[in-house]
N, C-alpha and C. Protein backbone atom coordinates (compact mmCIF):
# COMPACT_ATOMS: atom_id res chain seq x y z
N MET A 1 -23.89 2.78 -6.92
CA MET A 1 -22.58 2.58 -6.73
C MET A 1 -21.68 2.59 -5.61
N ALA A 2 -22.35 1.77 -4.67
CA ALA A 2 -22.04 0.72 -3.86
C ALA A 2 -21.49 -0.57 -4.67
N GLU A 3 -22.08 -0.83 -5.60
CA GLU A 3 -21.64 -1.56 -5.95
C GLU A 3 -20.48 -1.49 -6.62
N LEU A 4 -20.41 -0.80 -7.32
CA LEU A 4 -19.37 -0.18 -7.62
C LEU A 4 -17.93 -0.79 -6.71
N ALA A 5 -18.22 0.36 -5.82
CA ALA A 5 -17.28 1.02 -4.73
C ALA A 5 -16.79 -0.57 -4.16
N GLN A 6 -17.88 -1.74 -4.45
CA GLN A 6 -17.53 -2.92 -3.17
C GLN A 6 -16.26 -3.34 -3.65
N ALA A 7 -16.92 -3.43 -5.57
CA ALA A 7 -16.13 -4.35 -6.02
C ALA A 7 -14.39 -3.46 -6.60
N LEU A 8 -14.86 -2.15 -6.10
CA LEU A 8 -13.02 -1.38 -6.54
C LEU A 8 -12.25 -1.43 -5.38
N VAL A 9 -12.59 -2.06 -3.90
CA VAL A 9 -11.82 -2.15 -2.59
C VAL A 9 -11.37 -3.91 -2.64
N LEU A 10 -12.49 -5.07 -3.72
CA LEU A 10 -12.25 -6.75 -3.48
C LEU A 10 -11.10 -6.50 -4.90
N LEU A 11 -10.84 -5.23 -5.59
CA LEU A 11 -9.93 -4.92 -6.57
C LEU A 11 -8.39 -4.59 -5.75
N LEU A 12 -8.80 -3.54 -5.17
CA LEU A 12 -7.74 -3.38 -4.36
C LEU A 12 -7.47 -4.52 -3.15
N LEU A 13 -7.99 -5.21 -2.58
CA LEU A 13 -7.71 -5.93 -2.08
C LEU A 13 -6.80 -6.72 -3.20
N GLY A 14 -7.10 -7.78 -3.82
CA GLY A 14 -6.51 -8.60 -4.69
C GLY A 14 -5.01 -8.26 -4.69
N GLY A 15 -5.42 -6.60 -4.89
CA GLY A 15 -3.16 -6.18 -5.69
C GLY A 15 -2.88 -6.45 -4.27
N MET A 16 -3.82 -5.72 -3.47
CA MET A 16 -2.82 -5.68 -1.97
C MET A 16 -2.52 -7.66 -1.70
N LEU A 17 -2.87 -8.25 -1.79
CA LEU A 17 -2.08 -9.50 -1.17
C LEU A 17 -1.68 -10.38 -2.90
N PHE A 18 -1.58 -10.08 -3.38
CA PHE A 18 -1.36 -10.39 -5.14
C PHE A 18 0.43 -10.39 -4.60
N PHE A 19 0.20 -9.04 -5.25
CA PHE A 19 2.39 -8.23 -4.41
C PHE A 19 2.93 -8.83 -3.68
N PRO A 20 2.94 -8.82 -2.76
CA PRO A 20 3.25 -9.66 -1.36
C PRO A 20 3.77 -11.05 -1.27
N ILE A 21 1.93 -11.65 -1.82
CA ILE A 21 1.87 -13.10 -1.37
C ILE A 21 3.09 -14.09 -2.96
N VAL A 22 2.59 -13.51 -3.87
CA VAL A 22 3.01 -13.76 -5.87
C VAL A 22 4.99 -13.52 -5.89
N VAL A 23 4.08 -11.64 -6.03
CA VAL A 23 5.64 -10.50 -6.76
C VAL A 23 6.29 -10.64 -6.42
N ALA A 24 6.29 -10.42 -5.28
CA ALA A 24 8.23 -10.20 -3.95
C ALA A 24 8.59 -11.23 -4.29
N PRO A 25 7.92 -11.97 -3.77
CA PRO A 25 8.82 -14.09 -3.64
C PRO A 25 9.63 -13.98 -4.28
N VAL A 26 8.67 -14.07 -6.01
CA VAL A 26 9.02 -14.59 -7.22
C VAL A 26 10.54 -13.88 -7.79
N VAL A 27 10.14 -12.77 -7.58
CA VAL A 27 11.10 -11.68 -7.75
C VAL A 27 12.53 -12.21 -6.89
N PHE A 28 12.71 -12.17 -5.47
CA PHE A 28 13.50 -12.80 -4.81
C PHE A 28 14.44 -13.74 -5.87
N VAL A 29 13.75 -14.86 -6.22
CA VAL A 29 13.98 -16.25 -6.66
C VAL A 29 14.84 -16.44 -8.23
N ALA A 30 13.93 -15.49 -8.76
CA ALA A 30 13.83 -15.18 -10.21
C ALA A 30 15.31 -14.53 -10.35
N LEU A 31 15.68 -13.23 -9.71
CA LEU A 31 16.34 -12.13 -10.27
C LEU A 31 17.65 -12.58 -9.30
N PRO A 32 18.38 -12.17 -9.40
CA PRO A 32 19.66 -11.39 -8.30
C PRO A 32 19.43 -10.77 -7.44
N ALA A 33 20.01 -10.36 -6.74
CA ALA A 33 19.79 -9.26 -4.98
C ALA A 33 18.89 -8.27 -5.97
N ALA A 34 20.84 -7.71 -6.64
CA ALA A 34 20.30 -6.76 -6.59
C ALA A 34 19.86 -6.19 -7.52
N GLU A 35 19.08 -7.13 -8.82
CA GLU A 35 18.61 -7.37 -9.65
C GLU A 35 17.07 -6.42 -8.76
N ALA A 36 16.75 -8.02 -7.86
CA ALA A 36 16.04 -7.66 -7.79
C ALA A 36 15.21 -6.43 -6.47
N GLY A 37 15.93 -5.76 -5.97
CA GLY A 37 15.96 -4.62 -5.58
C GLY A 37 15.79 -3.35 -6.06
N THR A 38 16.14 -3.35 -7.50
CA THR A 38 15.84 -2.51 -8.33
C THR A 38 14.15 -3.14 -9.42
N PHE A 39 14.04 -4.23 -8.93
CA PHE A 39 12.80 -3.96 -10.17
C PHE A 39 11.83 -3.64 -8.72
N LEU A 40 11.76 -3.94 -7.34
CA LEU A 40 11.07 -4.01 -6.82
C LEU A 40 11.13 -2.74 -6.29
N ARG A 41 11.67 -1.76 -6.40
CA ARG A 41 12.04 -0.08 -5.91
C ARG A 41 10.90 0.87 -7.58
N ALA A 42 10.91 -0.27 -8.37
CA ALA A 42 10.67 0.73 -9.54
C ALA A 42 8.79 -0.03 -9.70
N MET A 43 8.61 -1.18 -9.04
CA MET A 43 7.21 -1.64 -8.74
C MET A 43 6.49 -0.65 -7.26
N PHE A 44 6.79 0.11 -6.38
CA PHE A 44 5.90 -0.02 -5.82
C PHE A 44 5.62 1.30 -5.46
N PRO A 45 6.69 2.35 -6.54
CA PRO A 45 5.49 3.43 -6.68
C PRO A 45 4.32 3.31 -6.97
N ARG A 46 4.23 2.53 -8.19
CA ARG A 46 3.25 1.88 -8.95
C ARG A 46 2.17 1.45 -8.20
N TYR A 47 2.27 0.68 -7.11
CA TYR A 47 1.77 -0.33 -6.09
C TYR A 47 1.25 0.71 -5.30
N TYR A 48 1.67 1.65 -4.89
CA TYR A 48 0.23 2.54 -3.93
C TYR A 48 0.18 3.08 -5.20
N LEU A 49 0.29 3.89 -6.42
CA LEU A 49 -0.08 4.50 -7.11
C LEU A 49 -2.16 4.13 -7.25
N PHE A 50 -1.30 2.77 -7.19
CA PHE A 50 -2.95 1.80 -8.07
C PHE A 50 -3.46 1.99 -6.62
N MET A 51 -3.04 1.74 -4.92
CA MET A 51 -4.31 1.57 -3.63
C MET A 51 -4.50 2.85 -4.04
N ILE A 52 -3.74 4.17 -3.83
CA ILE A 52 -4.24 4.61 -3.95
C ILE A 52 -5.17 5.67 -4.61
N ALA A 53 -5.01 5.38 -6.33
CA ALA A 53 -5.89 5.39 -6.75
C ALA A 53 -7.29 4.49 -6.44
N LEU A 54 -7.57 3.10 -6.00
CA LEU A 54 -8.25 2.22 -6.19
C LEU A 54 -9.67 2.18 -4.77
N SER A 55 -8.06 2.74 -3.86
CA SER A 55 -9.49 3.27 -2.43
C SER A 55 -9.76 4.84 -2.49
N LEU A 56 -8.93 5.85 -3.56
CA LEU A 56 -9.62 6.97 -3.64
C LEU A 56 -11.33 6.72 -4.19
N ALA A 57 -11.27 6.78 -5.16
CA ALA A 57 -12.65 5.97 -5.87
C ALA A 57 -13.11 5.92 -4.58
N ALA A 58 -13.25 4.29 -5.05
CA ALA A 58 -14.21 4.14 -3.89
C ALA A 58 -14.57 4.58 -3.13
N GLY A 59 -13.73 5.35 -2.54
CA GLY A 59 -14.38 6.41 -1.18
C GLY A 59 -15.20 7.23 -1.66
N ALA A 60 -15.18 7.76 -2.69
CA ALA A 60 -16.47 8.75 -3.38
C ALA A 60 -17.57 8.17 -3.69
N LEU A 61 -17.37 6.89 -4.19
CA LEU A 61 -18.63 6.19 -4.66
C LEU A 61 -19.02 5.58 -3.42
N TYR A 62 -18.78 5.53 -2.87
CA TYR A 62 -19.22 5.06 -1.33
C TYR A 62 -19.78 6.46 -1.14
N GLN A 63 -19.13 7.42 -0.78
CA GLN A 63 -19.94 8.49 -0.32
C GLN A 63 -21.13 9.42 -1.56
N ILE A 64 -20.84 8.89 -2.81
CA ILE A 64 -22.35 9.31 -3.33
C ILE A 64 -23.43 8.18 -3.16
N GLY A 65 -23.15 7.02 -2.71
CA GLY A 65 -24.39 6.56 -3.02
C GLY A 65 -25.37 6.49 -1.50
N HIS A 66 -23.56 7.26 -0.29
CA HIS A 66 -24.99 7.48 0.77
C HIS A 66 -25.32 9.11 1.14
N GLY A 67 -24.90 9.80 0.42
CA GLY A 67 -25.30 11.28 0.39
C GLY A 67 -24.81 11.76 1.29
N PRO A 68 -25.88 12.69 1.52
CA PRO A 68 -25.36 14.32 2.10
C PRO A 68 -24.66 13.07 3.58
N GLY A 69 -23.47 13.43 3.89
CA GLY A 69 -23.41 13.61 5.77
C GLY A 69 -22.18 12.64 5.12
N TYR A 70 -22.35 12.10 7.13
CA TYR A 70 -20.70 11.35 7.46
C TYR A 70 -21.16 9.76 6.38
N SER A 71 -20.24 9.54 6.12
CA SER A 71 -20.15 7.34 5.46
C SER A 71 -18.92 6.81 6.09
N LEU A 72 -18.65 6.05 6.79
CA LEU A 72 -18.10 5.08 7.36
C LEU A 72 -17.09 4.95 6.19
N THR A 73 -17.78 4.04 5.31
CA THR A 73 -17.13 2.86 4.20
C THR A 73 -16.02 4.11 3.45
N ALA A 74 -17.00 5.34 3.42
CA ALA A 74 -16.22 6.78 2.12
C ALA A 74 -15.04 6.47 3.08
N SER A 75 -14.98 7.20 4.82
CA SER A 75 -14.08 7.28 5.28
C SER A 75 -12.70 6.22 5.66
N THR A 76 -13.55 5.15 5.91
CA THR A 76 -12.33 3.87 5.66
C THR A 76 -11.22 4.12 4.12
N CYS A 77 -11.78 4.07 3.12
CA CYS A 77 -11.18 4.28 2.45
C CYS A 77 -10.28 5.82 1.83
N LEU A 78 -10.85 6.19 2.10
CA LEU A 78 -10.11 7.53 2.54
C LEU A 78 -9.13 7.53 3.42
N GLY A 79 -9.32 7.29 4.40
CA GLY A 79 -8.08 6.96 5.34
C GLY A 79 -7.04 6.27 3.89
N VAL A 80 -7.37 4.94 3.54
CA VAL A 80 -6.59 3.99 3.51
C VAL A 80 -6.03 4.57 1.95
N GLY A 81 -6.63 5.76 1.54
CA GLY A 81 -5.83 6.33 0.61
C GLY A 81 -4.70 6.99 0.94
N LEU A 82 -5.01 8.64 1.88
CA LEU A 82 -4.28 9.44 2.23
C LEU A 82 -3.14 8.52 3.45
N SER A 83 -3.30 7.40 3.87
CA SER A 83 -2.36 6.78 4.68
C SER A 83 -0.65 6.07 3.67
N THR A 84 -1.68 6.33 2.33
CA THR A 84 -0.66 5.18 0.48
C THR A 84 0.45 6.35 0.69
N LEU A 85 -0.42 7.06 0.72
CA LEU A 85 -0.44 8.91 -0.23
C LEU A 85 1.09 9.47 0.14
N TRP A 86 0.91 9.49 1.55
CA TRP A 86 1.85 9.62 2.85
C TRP A 86 3.11 8.49 2.79
N VAL A 87 2.69 7.28 2.40
CA VAL A 87 4.00 6.46 2.90
C VAL A 87 4.41 6.17 0.98
N ARG A 88 3.20 6.19 0.16
CA ARG A 88 4.57 6.59 -1.52
C ARG A 88 4.84 8.09 -1.02
N GLN A 89 4.94 9.25 -0.41
CA GLN A 89 5.70 10.19 -1.37
C GLN A 89 6.59 10.91 0.24
N TRP A 90 6.43 9.82 1.34
CA TRP A 90 7.46 9.96 2.40
C TRP A 90 7.94 9.33 3.16
N LEU A 91 7.56 8.27 3.48
CA LEU A 91 8.00 7.04 3.94
C LEU A 91 8.70 6.29 2.66
N LEU A 92 8.73 6.21 1.55
CA LEU A 92 9.02 5.28 0.54
C LEU A 92 10.45 5.94 0.71
N PRO A 93 10.42 7.09 0.11
CA PRO A 93 11.64 7.66 -0.33
C PRO A 93 12.61 7.28 0.64
N ARG A 94 12.80 7.38 1.93
CA ARG A 94 12.99 7.59 3.37
C ARG A 94 13.68 6.31 3.45
N ILE A 95 13.07 4.80 2.94
CA ILE A 95 13.48 3.94 2.68
C ILE A 95 14.49 3.17 2.32
N ASN A 96 14.02 3.61 1.30
CA ASN A 96 15.42 3.78 -0.32
C ASN A 96 16.32 4.86 0.34
N ALA A 97 16.21 5.28 0.61
CA ALA A 97 17.21 6.36 1.32
C ALA A 97 19.08 5.50 2.02
N ALA A 98 17.30 4.99 2.90
CA ALA A 98 17.94 4.35 3.81
C ALA A 98 18.60 3.55 3.58
N ARG A 99 18.43 1.73 3.12
CA ARG A 99 18.61 1.06 1.59
C ARG A 99 20.47 1.73 1.47
N ASP A 100 19.96 2.94 0.37
CA ASP A 100 21.27 3.10 -0.23
C ASP A 100 22.54 3.47 1.31
N ALA A 101 22.17 3.96 2.00
CA ALA A 101 23.12 4.56 2.59
C ALA A 101 23.72 3.27 3.19
N GLN A 102 23.00 1.97 3.31
CA GLN A 102 23.16 1.10 4.29
C GLN A 102 24.10 0.26 3.35
N LEU A 103 23.75 -0.19 1.80
CA LEU A 103 24.49 -1.10 0.69
C LEU A 103 26.26 0.30 0.82
N ALA A 104 26.48 0.77 1.54
CA ALA A 104 27.61 1.90 1.23
C ALA A 104 28.29 1.41 2.36
N GLY A 105 26.94 0.54 3.09
CA GLY A 105 28.57 0.43 4.64
C GLY A 105 27.58 1.33 5.95
N ASP A 106 26.69 2.10 5.92
CA ASP A 106 26.17 3.06 6.78
C ASP A 106 25.17 1.83 8.07
N GLU A 107 26.19 0.87 9.05
CA GLU A 107 24.55 0.04 9.78
C GLU A 107 23.39 1.20 10.56
N THR A 108 23.88 2.32 10.50
CA THR A 108 23.14 2.79 11.18
C THR A 108 21.47 2.92 10.34
N ALA A 109 22.19 3.46 9.13
CA ALA A 109 21.11 3.26 7.94
C ALA A 109 20.57 2.09 7.84
N GLY A 110 21.44 1.34 7.49
CA GLY A 110 20.39 -0.06 8.14
C GLY A 110 19.48 -0.40 8.93
N ARG A 111 19.82 -0.42 10.32
CA ARG A 111 18.64 0.48 11.68
C ARG A 111 17.78 0.63 11.39
N ARG A 112 17.60 1.92 10.37
CA ARG A 112 16.27 3.09 10.22
C ARG A 112 15.57 2.03 8.61
N PHE A 113 16.39 1.19 7.69
CA PHE A 113 16.00 0.76 6.78
C PHE A 113 15.33 -0.20 7.07
N ASP A 114 15.49 -1.37 8.85
CA ASP A 114 14.40 -2.08 8.91
C ASP A 114 13.52 -1.38 9.35
N ARG A 115 13.63 -1.23 10.47
CA ARG A 115 12.84 -0.02 11.00
C ARG A 115 11.94 0.45 10.03
N ASP A 116 11.37 1.28 8.99
CA ASP A 116 10.86 2.15 7.99
C ASP A 116 10.21 1.60 7.26
N HIS A 117 11.62 -0.07 6.84
CA HIS A 117 9.90 -0.83 5.65
C HIS A 117 9.20 -1.69 7.18
N LYS A 118 9.45 -2.12 8.50
CA LYS A 118 8.79 -3.01 9.23
C LYS A 118 7.52 -1.25 9.67
N LEU A 119 7.38 -0.46 9.59
CA LEU A 119 6.75 0.44 9.28
C LEU A 119 5.49 -0.07 7.98
N SER A 120 6.48 0.69 7.51
CA SER A 120 5.70 0.45 5.69
C SER A 120 4.48 -0.87 5.83
N VAL A 121 5.88 -2.09 6.50
CA VAL A 121 4.14 -3.29 5.67
C VAL A 121 3.91 -3.47 7.01
N VAL A 122 3.77 -2.57 8.05
CA VAL A 122 2.50 -2.97 9.02
C VAL A 122 1.19 -2.48 9.02
N ILE A 123 1.80 -0.88 8.09
CA ILE A 123 0.54 0.21 7.56
C ILE A 123 -0.46 -0.28 6.63
N ASN A 124 0.76 -1.58 5.50
CA ASN A 124 -0.04 -2.10 4.40
C ASN A 124 -0.52 -3.50 5.20
N ILE A 125 -0.91 -4.14 6.47
CA ILE A 125 -1.01 -4.86 6.86
C ILE A 125 -2.76 -4.34 7.17
N LEU A 126 -2.43 -3.64 8.05
CA LEU A 126 -3.02 -2.87 8.97
C LEU A 126 -3.78 -2.29 7.81
N GLN A 127 -4.18 -1.97 6.15
CA GLN A 127 -4.48 -0.86 4.92
C GLN A 127 -6.07 -2.64 5.07
N LEU A 128 -5.26 -3.48 4.82
CA LEU A 128 -5.55 -4.33 4.65
C LEU A 128 -7.28 -5.26 5.11
N LEU A 129 -6.56 -4.91 6.21
CA LEU A 129 -7.27 -5.65 8.13
C LEU A 129 -8.46 -5.21 7.72
N VAL A 130 -8.35 -2.98 7.95
CA VAL A 130 -9.47 -1.93 7.65
C VAL A 130 -10.27 -2.30 6.86
N LEU A 131 -9.54 -2.88 5.65
CA LEU A 131 -10.84 -2.91 4.13
C LEU A 131 -11.57 -4.14 4.74
N VAL A 132 -10.51 -5.23 5.09
CA VAL A 132 -11.70 -6.76 5.07
C VAL A 132 -12.62 -6.52 5.70
N ALA A 133 -12.33 -5.51 6.95
CA ALA A 133 -13.75 -5.71 8.14
C ALA A 133 -14.79 -4.77 8.00
N MET A 134 -14.16 -3.31 6.93
CA MET A 134 -15.38 -2.49 6.42
C MET A 134 -15.83 -3.11 5.62
N LEU A 135 -15.35 -4.14 5.05
CA LEU A 135 -16.18 -5.35 3.48
C LEU A 135 -17.29 -5.81 4.73
N VAL A 136 -16.36 -6.64 5.28
CA VAL A 136 -17.77 -8.25 6.43
C VAL A 136 -19.08 -6.95 6.88
N THR A 137 -18.56 -6.15 7.47
CA THR A 137 -19.59 -5.86 8.54
C THR A 137 -20.60 -4.34 8.09
N ARG A 138 -19.81 -4.22 6.63
CA ARG A 138 -21.03 -3.54 5.73
C ARG A 138 -22.41 -4.94 5.79
């Protein structure tokens, strides 16, 4: 069970690195800004769903392999999954609404967009670092 869980975490980390390093930069180079934004807006819910599914599945497998009681690896994966669920269901809609208002000329919304977008990036980086640390210390 632990080997499959670890494979899921590695797949998760690969996706977490591939999206910001490869996909997002290519989208902004290959598409006009408005189309790039539309594309990324469609991609982010799927990206977060990918993260939620893999982290929760890995957490469940770690817990099953660990048996009864507390499992730090399972809890770490659960924390990543739940924090990603929060980002997807609560923070992402706020980011999208602020961006729409910003594009409509609301400068205050532009500051909200910047703040919330930075928060989502920081959360994603922290999740990535926590997963790497979990694998290294296992």
